[in-house]
Amino acid sequence: MTTSNTTRLSVRIDDANPLHHLWNNNGTWWVHFTIHDPDHTARRIRRSLGTKNQVEARRLRDRILSRKGGLSS
């Protein structure tokens, strides 16, 4: 059995859905994703993007997910 000491991002991207990992909560866009930790636990991350603009929300989501993709511990 191999073990990993890295935290990794777990995302499933649906190319047909440009709003993947986004939801609109009363006019404000939020991003959500899951991180798997080395201790075999998972954390669901939900963060407000602080914008009401869908285009800006998509840009922020892409920046967050690309940065989180390089996580390691």
N, C-alpha and C. Protein backbone atom coordinates (compact mmCIF):
# COMPACT_ATOMS: atom_id res chain seq x y z
N MET A 1 0.85 -1.18 0.00
CA MET A 1 0.00 0.00 0.00
C MET A 1 0.90 1.24 0.00
N THR A 2 0.58 2.20 -0.83
CA THR A 2 1.32 3.45 -0.85
C THR A 2 0.52 4.53 -0.15
N THR A 3 1.25 5.38 0.54
CA THR A 3 0.60 6.51 1.18
C THR A 3 1.18 7.78 0.61
N SER A 4 0.42 8.83 0.69
CA SER A 4 0.84 10.11 0.17
C SER A 4 0.81 11.14 1.28
N ASN A 5 1.81 11.99 1.30
CA ASN A 5 1.86 13.06 2.30
C ASN A 5 1.44 14.39 1.70
N THR A 6 0.67 14.33 0.66
CA THR A 6 0.26 15.57 0.01
C THR A 6 -1.24 15.77 0.12
N THR A 7 -1.61 17.02 0.23
CA THR A 7 -3.00 17.41 0.17
C THR A 7 -3.33 17.59 -1.30
N ARG A 8 -4.45 17.05 -1.75
CA ARG A 8 -4.76 17.20 -3.16
C ARG A 8 -6.19 17.68 -3.37
N LEU A 9 -6.31 18.47 -4.39
CA LEU A 9 -7.60 19.00 -4.81
C LEU A 9 -8.34 17.94 -5.58
N SER A 10 -9.63 17.81 -5.31
CA SER A 10 -10.45 16.86 -6.04
C SER A 10 -11.58 17.63 -6.73
N VAL A 11 -11.47 17.75 -8.04
CA VAL A 11 -12.51 18.45 -8.80
C VAL A 11 -12.87 17.63 -10.03
N ARG A 12 -14.12 17.66 -10.35
CA ARG A 12 -14.61 17.08 -11.60
C ARG A 12 -15.15 18.23 -12.42
N ILE A 13 -14.54 18.45 -13.56
CA ILE A 13 -14.92 19.59 -14.39
C ILE A 13 -15.77 19.10 -15.56
N ASP A 14 -16.96 19.64 -15.64
CA ASP A 14 -17.88 19.35 -16.75
C ASP A 14 -17.71 20.47 -17.77
N ASP A 15 -17.00 20.17 -18.86
CA ASP A 15 -16.75 21.18 -19.88
C ASP A 15 -18.03 21.76 -20.49
N ALA A 16 -19.11 21.01 -20.39
CA ALA A 16 -20.38 21.50 -20.94
C ALA A 16 -21.05 22.49 -20.00
N ASN A 17 -20.52 22.61 -18.78
CA ASN A 17 -21.11 23.51 -17.79
C ASN A 17 -20.09 24.58 -17.40
N PRO A 18 -20.18 25.77 -17.97
CA PRO A 18 -19.21 26.82 -17.65
C PRO A 18 -19.31 27.32 -16.21
N LEU A 19 -20.36 26.94 -15.51
CA LEU A 19 -20.53 27.38 -14.12
C LEU A 19 -20.15 26.29 -13.11
N HIS A 20 -19.36 25.29 -13.57
CA HIS A 20 -18.97 24.23 -12.64
C HIS A 20 -18.28 24.84 -11.43
N HIS A 21 -18.57 24.28 -10.27
CA HIS A 21 -18.03 24.68 -8.97
C HIS A 21 -18.49 26.06 -8.51
N LEU A 22 -19.51 26.60 -9.16
CA LEU A 22 -20.06 27.90 -8.77
C LEU A 22 -21.53 27.77 -8.42
N TRP A 23 -21.98 28.57 -7.49
CA TRP A 23 -23.41 28.72 -7.29
C TRP A 23 -23.70 30.14 -6.85
N ASN A 24 -24.92 30.57 -7.18
CA ASN A 24 -25.36 31.92 -6.88
C ASN A 24 -26.26 31.85 -5.66
N ASN A 25 -25.84 32.52 -4.59
CA ASN A 25 -26.61 32.53 -3.35
C ASN A 25 -27.13 33.95 -3.13
N ASN A 26 -28.39 34.15 -3.44
CA ASN A 26 -29.02 35.47 -3.28
C ASN A 26 -28.26 36.58 -3.97
N GLY A 27 -27.75 36.29 -5.16
CA GLY A 27 -27.09 37.32 -5.97
C GLY A 27 -25.59 37.35 -5.85
N THR A 28 -25.00 36.66 -4.87
CA THR A 28 -23.55 36.63 -4.72
C THR A 28 -23.04 35.26 -5.13
N TRP A 29 -21.98 35.24 -5.94
CA TRP A 29 -21.42 33.99 -6.43
C TRP A 29 -20.46 33.38 -5.41
N TRP A 30 -20.53 32.05 -5.29
CA TRP A 30 -19.69 31.26 -4.38
C TRP A 30 -19.00 30.16 -5.18
N VAL A 31 -17.85 29.72 -4.69
CA VAL A 31 -17.12 28.59 -5.27
C VAL A 31 -17.10 27.46 -4.23
N HIS A 32 -17.11 26.23 -4.71
CA HIS A 32 -17.01 25.08 -3.81
C HIS A 32 -16.16 24.00 -4.45
N PHE A 33 -15.38 23.31 -3.62
CA PHE A 33 -14.53 22.22 -4.08
C PHE A 33 -14.14 21.38 -2.88
N THR A 34 -13.51 20.23 -3.14
CA THR A 34 -13.12 19.31 -2.07
C THR A 34 -11.61 19.14 -2.08
N ILE A 35 -11.04 19.10 -0.88
CA ILE A 35 -9.61 18.83 -0.72
C ILE A 35 -9.48 17.55 0.09
N HIS A 36 -8.61 16.64 -0.39
CA HIS A 36 -8.33 15.39 0.32
C HIS A 36 -6.99 15.54 1.02
N ASP A 37 -6.98 15.32 2.33
CA ASP A 37 -5.78 15.47 3.14
C ASP A 37 -5.04 14.14 3.30
N PRO A 38 -3.76 14.21 3.69
CA PRO A 38 -2.96 12.98 3.85
C PRO A 38 -3.51 12.02 4.90
N ASP A 39 -4.29 12.52 5.85
CA ASP A 39 -4.85 11.63 6.88
C ASP A 39 -6.14 10.95 6.41
N HIS A 40 -6.39 11.00 5.12
CA HIS A 40 -7.55 10.34 4.48
C HIS A 40 -8.88 10.99 4.82
N THR A 41 -8.84 12.24 5.24
CA THR A 41 -10.07 12.99 5.44
C THR A 41 -10.26 13.92 4.25
N ALA A 42 -11.47 14.38 4.10
CA ALA A 42 -11.79 15.31 3.02
C ALA A 42 -12.42 16.55 3.62
N ARG A 43 -12.08 17.68 3.03
CA ARG A 43 -12.67 18.95 3.47
C ARG A 43 -13.42 19.55 2.29
N ARG A 44 -14.68 19.89 2.53
CA ARG A 44 -15.46 20.62 1.53
C ARG A 44 -15.23 22.10 1.77
N ILE A 45 -14.73 22.78 0.77
CA ILE A 45 -14.42 24.20 0.88
C ILE A 45 -15.49 24.98 0.12
N ARG A 46 -16.04 25.97 0.79
CA ARG A 46 -17.01 26.86 0.18
C ARG A 46 -16.59 28.28 0.53
N ARG A 47 -16.43 29.12 -0.50
CA ARG A 47 -15.99 30.49 -0.28
C ARG A 47 -16.81 31.45 -1.12
N SER A 48 -17.18 32.55 -0.51
CA SER A 48 -17.84 33.61 -1.26
C SER A 48 -16.82 34.27 -2.16
N LEU A 49 -17.21 34.52 -3.39
CA LEU A 49 -16.34 35.23 -4.32
C LEU A 49 -16.55 36.74 -4.23
N GLY A 50 -17.56 37.15 -3.49
CA GLY A 50 -17.79 38.57 -3.23
C GLY A 50 -18.16 39.38 -4.46
N THR A 51 -18.76 38.70 -5.44
CA THR A 51 -19.16 39.42 -6.64
C THR A 51 -20.56 38.98 -7.06
N LYS A 52 -21.24 39.88 -7.71
CA LYS A 52 -22.54 39.57 -8.28
C LYS A 52 -22.44 39.35 -9.79
N ASN A 53 -21.23 39.51 -10.32
CA ASN A 53 -20.98 39.41 -11.74
C ASN A 53 -20.52 37.99 -12.09
N GLN A 54 -21.28 37.32 -12.98
CA GLN A 54 -20.99 35.94 -13.34
C GLN A 54 -19.64 35.79 -14.03
N VAL A 55 -19.29 36.70 -14.92
CA VAL A 55 -18.01 36.62 -15.63
C VAL A 55 -16.84 36.75 -14.64
N GLU A 56 -16.96 37.68 -13.72
CA GLU A 56 -15.94 37.86 -12.69
C GLU A 56 -15.86 36.62 -11.79
N ALA A 57 -16.99 36.03 -11.47
CA ALA A 57 -17.02 34.83 -10.63
C ALA A 57 -16.29 33.68 -11.33
N ARG A 58 -16.48 33.52 -12.61
CA ARG A 58 -15.79 32.46 -13.35
C ARG A 58 -14.29 32.70 -13.36
N ARG A 59 -13.86 33.95 -13.52
CA ARG A 59 -12.44 34.28 -13.52
C ARG A 59 -11.83 33.98 -12.15
N LEU A 60 -12.52 34.39 -11.09
CA LEU A 60 -12.03 34.14 -9.73
C LEU A 60 -11.97 32.64 -9.44
N ARG A 61 -13.01 31.91 -9.84
CA ARG A 61 -13.03 30.45 -9.65
C ARG A 61 -11.84 29.79 -10.33
N ASP A 62 -11.57 30.19 -11.57
CA ASP A 62 -10.46 29.59 -12.30
C ASP A 62 -9.13 29.88 -11.61
N ARG A 63 -8.98 31.08 -11.10
CA ARG A 63 -7.74 31.44 -10.40
C ARG A 63 -7.60 30.64 -9.11
N ILE A 64 -8.68 30.50 -8.36
CA ILE A 64 -8.65 29.74 -7.11
C ILE A 64 -8.34 28.27 -7.37
N LEU A 65 -9.02 27.67 -8.33
CA LEU A 65 -8.81 26.25 -8.59
C LEU A 65 -7.42 25.97 -9.15
N SER A 66 -6.86 26.87 -9.94
CA SER A 66 -5.52 26.62 -10.46
C SER A 66 -4.49 26.75 -9.35
N ARG A 67 -4.70 27.65 -8.42
CA ARG A 67 -3.78 27.83 -7.28
C ARG A 67 -3.90 26.64 -6.33
N LYS A 68 -5.11 26.18 -6.05
CA LYS A 68 -5.32 25.06 -5.13
C LYS A 68 -4.82 23.77 -5.73
N GLY A 69 -4.78 23.67 -7.03
CA GLY A 69 -4.31 22.45 -7.69
C GLY A 69 -2.87 22.13 -7.38
N GLY A 70 -2.10 23.11 -6.96
CA GLY A 70 -0.69 22.89 -6.65
C GLY A 70 -0.42 22.69 -5.18
N LEU A 71 -1.45 22.41 -4.39
CA LEU A 71 -1.28 22.23 -2.95
C LEU A 71 -0.39 21.04 -2.63
N SER A 72 0.44 21.19 -1.66
CA SER A 72 1.14 20.04 -1.07
C SER A 72 1.46 20.39 0.37
N SER A 73 1.63 19.38 1.18
CA SER A 73 1.92 19.64 2.59
C SER A 73 3.27 19.07 2.96
